[in-house]
Amino acid sequence: MSIRHGLLALLERGQMYGYQLRAAFEESTGSTWPLNIGQVYTTLSRLERDGLVRSLPESEAGQRPYEITDAGRADLTLWFATPISRTDRPRDELAIKLALALTTPGVDVRSVVQNQRSATMRTLQELTRLKYASDRPEDLPWRLVLDAMVFQAEAEVRWLDHCETSLVRYRPPAGGPAATSGAVDRTDEEARR
């Protein structure tokens, strides 16, 4: 999710100033995505520059509220109507890390996989605990974010299982960098039989 569209969605509820937007963003996502106040104001400046929000006069307390414009509503409507594609998401750092570990001499790939599995399982347990901590109707947005994170963690564990199985079958090229990467070689596999 882009911060840009998150702020537009929040401003669709009504006028807000930066700190209110940050608090509402974190409340809506169950604080799973902490937002720096600097990011809020930088994004608001860009949104204002692009004509998607407008700043209003400062309050007596010195706070400057913002409101969404018609152009901002149109942009937000388009964002909600457009599916997210896999190419729009950030690179998968774990997949890149394992690919590099497999081809970097001296790296024990099995250990990398096991360390990640342990960390992901701890995260999965914590997310599950948080998920069942509250079932108030107003917590539904937060629970949906947690559900997505639980499903992603479960998928990561399944993928790591697949990686481990693939490593057992892996035959590094003779003399190649992966030959010393910690991948299972023919001698290790034969010793287990």
Protein backbone atom coordinates (compact mmCIF):
# COMPACT_ATOMS: atom_id res chain seq x y z
CA MET A 1 0.00 0.00 0.00
CA SER A 2 1.29 3.40 -0.82
CA ILE A 3 1.34 6.02 1.90
CA ARG A 4 -0.07 8.38 -0.70
CA HIS A 5 -3.26 6.41 -1.15
CA GLY A 6 -3.49 5.62 2.55
CA LEU A 7 -3.54 9.32 3.35
CA LEU A 8 -6.08 10.02 0.61
CA ALA A 9 -8.34 7.30 2.02
CA LEU A 10 -8.08 8.80 5.49
CA LEU A 11 -8.81 12.30 4.22
CA GLU A 12 -11.91 10.93 2.51
CA ARG A 13 -13.26 10.54 6.08
CA GLY A 14 -12.80 14.28 6.67
CA GLN A 15 -10.25 17.02 7.26
CA MET A 16 -7.19 16.05 9.31
CA TYR A 17 -3.79 17.45 10.12
CA GLY A 18 -0.54 15.46 9.99
CA TYR A 19 -0.49 13.95 13.46
CA GLN A 20 -4.16 12.92 13.15
CA LEU A 21 -3.39 11.26 9.82
CA ARG A 22 -0.45 9.37 11.33
CA ALA A 23 -2.55 8.17 14.28
CA ALA A 24 -5.46 7.16 12.02
CA PHE A 25 -3.10 5.34 9.63
CA GLU A 26 -1.53 3.35 12.45
CA GLU A 27 -4.93 2.62 14.00
CA SER A 28 -6.27 1.41 10.65
CA THR A 29 -3.32 -0.92 10.11
CA GLY A 30 -3.14 -2.09 13.72
CA SER A 31 0.26 -0.40 14.07
CA THR A 32 1.71 -3.09 11.81
CA TRP A 33 3.15 -0.33 9.62
CA PRO A 34 4.58 2.45 11.78
CA LEU A 35 4.52 5.72 9.94
CA ASN A 36 7.10 8.45 10.52
CA ILE A 37 5.55 11.91 10.84
CA GLY A 38 8.13 13.18 8.33
CA GLN A 39 6.74 10.72 5.76
CA VAL A 40 3.25 12.08 6.40
CA TYR A 41 4.21 15.71 5.81
CA THR A 42 6.42 14.91 2.81
CA THR A 43 3.58 12.92 1.24
CA LEU A 44 1.06 15.67 2.03
CA SER A 45 3.32 18.20 0.28
CA ARG A 46 3.47 16.01 -2.82
CA LEU A 47 -0.27 15.42 -2.76
CA GLU A 48 -0.86 19.16 -2.50
CA ARG A 49 1.61 19.85 -5.33
CA ASP A 50 -0.27 17.30 -7.48
CA GLY A 51 -3.64 18.87 -6.67
CA LEU A 52 -4.96 15.82 -4.80
CA VAL A 53 -5.29 17.56 -1.42
CA ARG A 54 -5.41 21.17 -0.31
CA SER A 55 -4.17 22.68 2.92
CA LEU A 56 -6.56 24.76 4.95
CA PRO A 57 -5.79 27.71 7.20
CA GLU A 58 -3.97 26.92 10.43
CA SER A 59 -6.06 26.44 13.53
CA GLU A 60 -5.53 28.61 16.62
CA ALA A 61 -3.36 25.76 17.96
CA GLY A 62 -1.08 26.09 14.92
CA GLN A 63 -2.20 22.88 13.23
CA ARG A 64 -2.77 22.91 9.47
CA PRO A 65 -5.56 20.56 8.38
CA TYR A 66 -5.78 19.09 4.89
CA GLU A 67 -8.73 17.97 2.83
CA ILE A 68 -9.03 15.78 -0.23
CA THR A 69 -9.88 17.42 -3.57
CA ASP A 70 -12.10 16.09 -6.35
CA ALA A 71 -8.94 15.04 -8.22
CA GLY A 72 -7.80 13.24 -5.07
CA ARG A 73 -11.14 11.41 -4.85
CA ALA A 74 -10.82 10.34 -8.49
CA ASP A 75 -7.26 9.08 -7.88
CA LEU A 76 -8.40 7.21 -4.77
CA THR A 77 -11.37 5.65 -6.61
CA LEU A 78 -9.02 4.48 -9.38
CA TRP A 79 -6.61 3.02 -6.81
CA PHE A 80 -9.39 1.05 -5.09
CA ALA A 81 -10.63 -0.22 -8.48
CA THR A 82 -7.20 -1.29 -9.76
CA PRO A 83 -5.89 -4.73 -8.70
CA ILE A 84 -2.38 -4.85 -7.24
CA SER A 85 -0.06 -6.80 -9.53
CA ARG A 86 2.95 -8.79 -8.38
CA THR A 87 5.21 -6.45 -10.37
CA ASP A 88 3.98 -3.52 -8.25
CA ARG A 89 5.26 -5.10 -5.06
CA PRO A 90 8.79 -4.71 -3.75
CA ARG A 91 11.45 -7.27 -4.54
CA ASP A 92 11.44 -10.33 -2.32
CA GLU A 93 14.56 -9.82 -0.24
CA LEU A 94 14.43 -13.36 1.17
CA ALA A 95 14.37 -14.98 -2.28
CA ILE A 96 17.28 -12.81 -3.37
CA LYS A 97 19.17 -13.59 -0.14
CA LEU A 98 18.79 -17.37 -0.62
CA ALA A 99 19.76 -17.19 -4.30
CA LEU A 100 22.90 -15.28 -3.36
CA ALA A 101 23.64 -17.58 -0.41
CA LEU A 102 23.49 -20.54 -2.76
CA THR A 103 26.11 -19.02 -5.03
CA THR A 104 28.39 -17.43 -2.41
CA PRO A 105 31.32 -19.54 -1.24
CA GLY A 106 31.34 -20.42 2.45
CA VAL A 107 27.66 -19.72 3.15
CA ASP A 108 25.70 -22.52 4.80
CA VAL A 109 22.42 -22.21 2.92
CA ARG A 110 20.67 -24.76 5.14
CA SER A 111 21.51 -22.60 8.15
CA VAL A 112 20.14 -19.50 6.40
CA VAL A 113 16.89 -21.38 5.67
CA GLN A 114 16.62 -22.69 9.25
CA ASN A 115 17.30 -19.28 10.81
CA GLN A 116 14.65 -17.70 8.61
CA ARG A 117 12.14 -20.47 9.36
CA SER A 118 12.66 -19.99 13.11
CA ALA A 119 12.20 -16.23 12.84
CA THR A 120 9.11 -16.63 10.64
CA MET A 121 7.57 -19.15 13.04
CA ARG A 122 8.10 -16.72 15.96
CA THR A 123 6.47 -13.97 13.91
CA LEU A 124 3.59 -16.27 13.00
CA GLN A 125 3.00 -17.13 16.66
CA GLU A 126 3.01 -13.44 17.65
CA LEU A 127 0.64 -12.49 14.83
CA THR A 128 -1.73 -15.28 15.78
CA ARG A 129 -1.66 -14.12 19.40
CA LEU A 130 -2.43 -10.56 18.34
CA LYS A 131 -5.21 -11.72 16.04
CA TYR A 132 -7.14 -13.31 18.88
CA ALA A 133 -6.46 -10.53 21.38
CA SER A 134 -9.60 -8.66 20.35
CA ASP A 135 -12.69 -9.37 18.33
CA ARG A 136 -14.49 -6.06 18.64
CA PRO A 137 -16.27 -5.07 15.40
CA GLU A 138 -14.23 -1.87 15.14
CA ASP A 139 -11.04 -3.99 15.06
CA LEU A 140 -11.96 -5.64 11.74
CA PRO A 141 -9.57 -3.50 9.60
CA TRP A 142 -6.71 -4.35 11.96
CA ARG A 143 -7.63 -8.06 11.99
CA LEU A 144 -7.72 -8.15 8.18
CA VAL A 145 -4.20 -6.70 8.06
CA LEU A 146 -3.09 -9.31 10.61
CA ASP A 147 -4.77 -12.08 8.59
CA ALA A 148 -2.82 -11.02 5.51
CA MET A 149 0.41 -11.07 7.51
CA VAL A 150 -0.42 -14.52 8.94
CA PHE A 151 -1.11 -15.91 5.45
CA GLN A 152 2.13 -14.39 4.14
CA ALA A 153 4.12 -15.92 7.02
CA GLU A 154 2.47 -19.32 6.45
CA ALA A 155 3.31 -19.11 2.75
CA GLU A 156 6.90 -18.20 3.60
CA VAL A 157 7.22 -21.27 5.85
CA ARG A 158 5.87 -23.49 3.04
CA TRP A 159 8.31 -21.91 0.60
CA LEU A 160 11.21 -22.44 3.00
CA ASP A 161 10.19 -26.11 3.29
CA HIS A 162 10.30 -26.28 -0.51
CA CYS A 163 13.75 -24.64 -0.50
CA GLU A 164 15.04 -27.18 2.00
CA THR A 165 13.73 -30.07 -0.10
CA SER A 166 15.31 -28.54 -3.20
CA LEU A 167 18.64 -28.21 -1.39
CA VAL A 168 18.63 -31.93 -0.61
CA ARG A 169 18.36 -32.66 -4.35
CA TYR A 170 20.75 -29.90 -5.42
CA ARG A 171 23.96 -30.88 -7.22
CA PRO A 172 26.34 -27.89 -7.31
CA PRO A 173 28.41 -27.51 -10.46
CA ALA A 174 31.88 -28.97 -10.05
CA GLY A 175 34.27 -26.26 -8.87
CA GLY A 176 31.51 -23.61 -8.95
CA PRO A 177 30.92 -21.16 -6.12
CA ALA A 178 27.97 -23.15 -4.78
CA ALA A 179 30.19 -26.17 -4.29
CA THR A 180 31.23 -24.74 -0.93
CA SER A 181 28.00 -22.90 -0.14
CA GLY A 182 26.68 -25.38 2.37
CA ALA A 183 24.34 -27.00 -0.12
CA VAL A 184 24.11 -30.75 0.19
CA ASP A 185 26.62 -32.40 -2.10
CA ARG A 186 26.70 -35.97 -3.33
CA THR A 187 29.08 -37.10 -0.56
CA ASP A 188 26.84 -35.70 2.21
CA GLU A 189 23.76 -37.28 0.70
CA GLU A 190 25.46 -40.67 0.31
CA ALA A 191 26.65 -40.54 3.93
CA ARG A 192 23.04 -40.21 5.07
CA ARG A 193 21.92 -43.36 3.26
